[in-house]
């Protein structure tokens, strides 16, 4: 069977991995420290803002494009990889499991619109369900196409839907640590056609690795490598620019 995930380059996988890992860990810690939050009611949304920012920064000037579309209270970010002809979206593992237990008519329209790109694909192992899968009528298909067009308005090119498939990247985190990152090609029943583990299939970020320095008393002390120090300086400069911009806007 053709595994569409094999067409995604290691570079693209690496950037996605780094963007999510950085957002859930160091970036969220820095944001909390900068904002001096006493409560964390907005934490789930803050995580997504950081993830989306990192992805948009990673792919903004790349061959891979992004499109961010507001859907009600939510914003959907898509990546389009022209080399693999894949549209990539993002979701938490738990959210995917929740959606799987909904009837198709109750599932988010944007999810159904993206999954419709995989209509000719079928999972080798089908899951038993408590209800029958609703067949899409012509009206439903037309509505989903409208949604798909809206999701893709941010791209600088027209997407050839006939030759494009959808990939869903799902992740889980615990205490700021990324504990799972998997890419899925799903059929219209949300069953798995193919999957890849991207958490263990990419190289870890080395820019923040701490090195030891010998002191006179021979006890090792910790210090940041130059690249990590440069990243901290860059973030401090960005923070200063944002403060200046906010002051001028008031």
Protein backbone atom coordinates (compact mmCIF):
# COMPACT_ATOMS: atom_id res chain seq x y z
CA UNK A 1 0.00 0.00 0.00
CA UNK A 2 1.22 3.50 -0.84
CA UNK A 3 2.20 5.25 2.38
CA UNK A 4 1.62 8.94 1.76
CA UNK A 5 3.56 9.80 4.91
CA UNK A 6 6.79 8.57 3.32
CA UNK A 7 6.59 11.51 0.93
CA UNK A 8 7.06 14.04 3.72
CA UNK A 9 10.70 15.09 3.96
CA UNK A 10 12.74 14.68 7.12
CA UNK A 11 13.23 18.45 7.16
CA UNK A 12 9.48 19.08 7.34
CA UNK A 13 9.02 16.51 10.09
CA UNK A 14 11.90 18.00 12.04
CA UNK A 15 10.49 21.52 11.87
CA UNK A 16 7.06 20.36 13.01
CA UNK A 17 8.60 18.41 15.89
CA UNK A 18 10.76 21.33 16.99
CA UNK A 19 7.89 23.84 16.73
CA UNK A 20 5.59 21.80 18.97
CA UNK A 21 8.30 20.71 21.42
CA UNK A 22 9.57 24.26 21.84
CA UNK A 23 6.07 25.69 22.31
CA UNK A 24 5.02 23.20 24.99
CA UNK A 25 8.28 23.49 26.91
CA UNK A 26 10.57 26.48 26.91
CA UNK A 27 8.24 28.94 25.14
CA UNK A 28 5.36 28.32 27.54
CA UNK A 29 7.68 28.69 30.54
CA UNK A 30 9.00 31.99 29.19
CA UNK A 31 5.47 33.25 28.46
CA UNK A 32 4.28 32.40 31.96
CA UNK A 33 7.29 34.12 33.50
CA UNK A 34 6.91 37.19 31.28
CA UNK A 35 3.16 37.54 31.95
CA UNK A 36 3.58 36.77 35.67
CA UNK A 37 0.33 34.78 35.64
CA UNK A 38 -1.11 33.72 38.99
CA UNK A 39 -3.66 31.39 37.39
CA UNK A 40 -3.54 29.35 34.19
CA UNK A 41 -7.09 29.41 32.88
CA UNK A 42 -5.88 30.32 29.39
CA UNK A 43 -3.07 27.73 29.32
CA UNK A 44 -4.65 25.44 26.67
CA UNK A 45 -5.15 28.37 24.29
CA UNK A 46 -1.73 29.81 25.03
CA UNK A 47 -0.15 26.50 24.05
CA UNK A 48 -1.89 26.57 20.68
CA UNK A 49 -0.92 30.20 20.06
CA UNK A 50 2.70 29.30 20.70
CA UNK A 51 2.53 26.17 18.53
CA UNK A 52 0.94 28.10 15.66
CA UNK A 53 3.44 30.93 15.99
CA UNK A 54 6.37 28.53 15.83
CA UNK A 55 4.94 26.67 12.83
CA UNK A 56 4.23 29.90 10.96
CA UNK A 57 7.76 31.14 11.71
CA UNK A 58 9.30 27.84 10.61
CA UNK A 59 7.44 27.61 7.32
CA UNK A 60 6.65 31.24 6.48
CA UNK A 61 9.49 31.63 3.98
CA UNK A 62 9.74 27.95 3.10
CA UNK A 63 8.47 25.99 0.13
CA UNK A 64 5.86 24.70 2.59
CA UNK A 65 3.11 27.30 3.04
CA UNK A 66 0.62 27.88 5.84
CA UNK A 67 -2.97 29.09 5.98
CA UNK A 68 -4.64 30.20 9.23
CA UNK A 69 -8.44 30.40 9.20
CA UNK A 70 -10.75 31.38 12.04
CA UNK A 71 -13.61 28.92 12.61
CA UNK A 72 -15.89 30.26 15.31
CA UNK A 73 -13.88 30.47 18.53
CA UNK A 74 -11.09 28.36 17.04
CA UNK A 75 -8.34 28.97 14.48
CA UNK A 76 -7.32 26.19 12.11
CA UNK A 77 -3.75 26.21 10.83
CA UNK A 78 -2.93 24.16 7.74
CA UNK A 79 0.42 23.47 6.12
CA UNK A 80 0.62 22.63 2.44
CA UNK A 81 3.63 20.65 1.28
CA UNK A 82 3.78 20.85 -2.54
CA UNK A 83 6.50 18.21 -2.75
CA UNK A 84 4.24 15.58 -1.18
CA UNK A 85 0.87 17.11 -2.20
CA UNK A 86 -0.30 16.90 1.41
CA UNK A 87 -2.36 19.22 3.58
CA UNK A 88 -1.29 18.92 7.22
CA UNK A 89 -3.40 19.88 10.23
CA UNK A 90 -2.84 19.54 13.98
CA UNK A 91 -4.82 18.20 16.94
CA UNK A 92 -4.40 16.78 20.43
CA UNK A 93 -4.69 13.01 20.76
CA UNK A 94 -7.58 13.31 23.19
CA UNK A 95 -9.49 15.61 20.84
CA UNK A 96 -9.21 13.09 18.02
CA UNK A 97 -10.52 10.31 20.26
CA UNK A 98 -13.46 12.49 21.30
CA UNK A 99 -14.34 13.25 17.67
CA UNK A 100 -14.18 9.57 16.74
CA UNK A 101 -17.04 8.90 19.16
CA UNK A 102 -19.30 11.47 17.48
CA UNK A 103 -21.65 10.83 14.60
CA UNK A 104 -20.35 12.35 11.37
CA UNK A 105 -23.05 15.03 11.45
CA UNK A 106 -21.78 16.18 14.87
CA UNK A 107 -18.10 16.21 13.96
CA UNK A 108 -16.45 19.58 13.23
CA UNK A 109 -17.09 20.57 9.64
CA UNK A 110 -13.48 21.49 9.03
CA UNK A 111 -12.38 17.98 10.07
CA UNK A 112 -14.88 16.36 7.70
CA UNK A 113 -13.84 18.71 4.91
CA UNK A 114 -10.18 17.74 5.27
CA UNK A 115 -10.88 14.02 5.68
CA UNK A 116 -12.93 14.14 2.46
CA UNK A 117 -9.63 14.56 0.60
CA UNK A 118 -8.91 10.92 1.52
CA UNK A 119 -12.23 9.59 0.23
CA UNK A 120 -10.67 6.87 -1.95
CA UNK A 121 -8.51 5.56 0.89
CA UNK A 122 -9.62 2.87 3.32
CA UNK A 123 -8.01 1.65 6.51
CA UNK A 124 -6.82 -1.98 6.44
CA UNK A 125 -8.48 -2.52 9.83
CA UNK A 126 -11.93 -1.04 10.38
CA UNK A 127 -13.23 -0.21 13.84
CA UNK A 128 -16.64 -1.32 15.07
CA UNK A 129 -19.04 1.50 15.84
CA UNK A 130 -22.25 1.87 17.75
CA UNK A 131 -23.86 3.73 14.86
CA UNK A 132 -23.84 3.58 11.09
CA UNK A 133 -21.65 5.99 9.16
CA UNK A 134 -23.82 8.56 7.44
CA UNK A 135 -23.43 8.72 3.69
CA UNK A 136 -22.65 12.20 2.41
CA UNK A 137 -25.34 13.63 0.19
CA UNK A 138 -24.63 16.06 -2.63
CA UNK A 139 -25.58 19.01 -0.43
CA UNK A 140 -23.17 17.89 2.30
CA UNK A 141 -20.33 17.50 -0.21
CA UNK A 142 -21.01 20.98 -1.55
CA UNK A 143 -20.95 22.48 1.95
CA UNK A 144 -17.71 20.69 2.80
CA UNK A 145 -16.10 22.00 -0.38
CA UNK A 146 -17.01 25.55 0.67
CA UNK A 147 -15.36 24.91 4.05
CA UNK A 148 -12.27 23.45 2.39
CA UNK A 149 -11.93 26.48 0.13
CA UNK A 150 -12.16 28.76 3.18
CA UNK A 151 -9.47 26.78 4.97
CA UNK A 152 -7.13 27.16 1.99
CA UNK A 153 -7.66 30.89 1.31
CA UNK A 154 -4.37 31.79 3.01
CA UNK A 155 -2.19 29.85 0.57
CA UNK A 156 -0.43 31.69 -2.24
CA UNK A 157 -1.39 29.00 -4.71
CA UNK A 158 -4.44 27.05 -5.78
CA UNK A 159 -4.60 23.61 -4.21
CA UNK A 160 -5.32 20.73 -6.58
CA UNK A 161 -7.78 18.84 -4.40
CA UNK A 162 -7.99 15.93 -6.83
CA UNK A 163 -4.34 15.07 -6.21
CA UNK A 164 -4.05 16.19 -2.59
CA UNK A 165 -4.48 14.17 0.60
CA UNK A 166 -4.76 15.11 4.24
CA UNK A 167 -2.44 14.27 7.14
CA UNK A 168 -3.38 14.83 10.77
CA UNK A 169 -0.53 15.37 13.24
CA UNK A 170 -1.60 14.53 16.81
CA UNK A 171 0.32 15.05 20.02
CA UNK A 172 0.08 14.65 23.79
CA UNK A 173 1.97 16.49 26.49
CA UNK A 174 2.44 16.13 30.21
CA UNK A 175 3.86 18.82 32.48
CA UNK A 176 5.31 20.69 29.53
CA UNK A 177 6.88 17.58 28.02
CA UNK A 178 5.94 16.25 24.59
CA UNK A 179 5.15 12.56 25.18
CA UNK A 180 3.69 11.55 21.81
CA UNK A 181 3.74 12.91 18.27
CA UNK A 182 2.15 10.86 15.50
CA UNK A 183 1.15 11.57 11.92
CA UNK A 184 -1.98 9.89 10.58
CA UNK A 185 -3.61 9.41 7.22
CA UNK A 186 -7.26 8.73 8.07
CA UNK A 187 -10.10 7.51 5.92
CA UNK A 188 -13.55 9.11 5.99
CA UNK A 189 -14.52 6.96 8.99
CA UNK A 190 -11.49 8.32 10.90
CA UNK A 191 -9.87 4.88 10.84
CA UNK A 192 -6.09 4.76 10.36
CA UNK A 193 -4.87 4.14 6.82
CA UNK A 194 -1.22 4.72 7.77
CA UNK A 195 0.70 6.22 10.67
CA UNK A 196 4.21 7.26 11.68
CA UNK A 197 5.80 8.02 15.03
CA UNK A 198 7.48 11.41 14.70
CA UNK A 199 8.50 11.70 18.34
CA UNK A 200 11.20 9.04 18.03
CA UNK A 201 11.84 9.50 14.32
CA UNK A 202 13.51 12.91 14.47
CA UNK A 203 16.66 14.29 16.04
CA UNK A 204 16.35 16.12 19.37
CA UNK A 205 17.02 19.86 19.55
CA UNK A 206 20.61 20.40 20.58
CA UNK A 207 20.69 24.21 20.86
CA UNK A 208 19.73 24.18 24.53
CA UNK A 209 22.00 21.32 25.60
CA UNK A 210 23.83 22.23 28.77
CA UNK A 211 27.54 21.62 28.90
CA UNK A 212 29.73 21.24 32.00
CA UNK A 213 32.67 23.49 32.85
CA UNK A 214 35.41 22.43 35.23
CA UNK A 215 36.14 24.81 38.07
CA UNK A 216 39.15 25.13 40.30
CA UNK A 217 37.60 22.85 42.91
CA UNK A 218 36.96 20.25 40.17
CA UNK A 219 33.19 20.34 40.67
CA UNK A 220 31.31 20.60 37.37
CA UNK A 221 29.10 23.64 36.90
CA UNK A 222 26.46 24.17 34.27
CA UNK A 223 26.56 26.65 31.44
CA UNK A 224 24.59 27.28 28.27
CA UNK A 225 26.19 26.72 24.91
CA UNK A 226 26.71 29.83 22.71
CA UNK A 227 23.80 28.96 20.43
CA UNK A 228 21.42 28.79 23.38
CA UNK A 229 22.68 32.15 24.66
CA UNK A 230 22.11 33.68 21.22
CA UNK A 231 18.53 32.38 21.20
CA UNK A 232 17.89 33.97 24.60
CA UNK A 233 19.28 37.31 23.38
CA UNK A 234 17.11 37.12 20.27
CA UNK A 235 13.98 36.51 22.36
CA UNK A 236 14.88 39.43 24.62
CA UNK A 237 15.16 41.68 21.56
CA UNK A 238 11.81 40.44 20.26
CA UNK A 239 10.22 41.18 23.62
CA UNK A 240 11.64 44.73 23.59
CA UNK A 241 10.33 45.32 20.07
CA UNK A 242 6.88 44.08 21.08
CA UNK A 243 6.88 46.43 24.08
CA UNK A 244 7.83 49.37 21.84
CA UNK A 245 5.11 48.47 19.35
CA UNK A 246 2.50 48.26 22.12
CA UNK A 247 3.56 51.64 23.51
CA UNK A 248 3.26 53.29 20.09
CA UNK A 249 -0.14 51.72 19.50
CA UNK A 250 -1.63 53.07 22.74
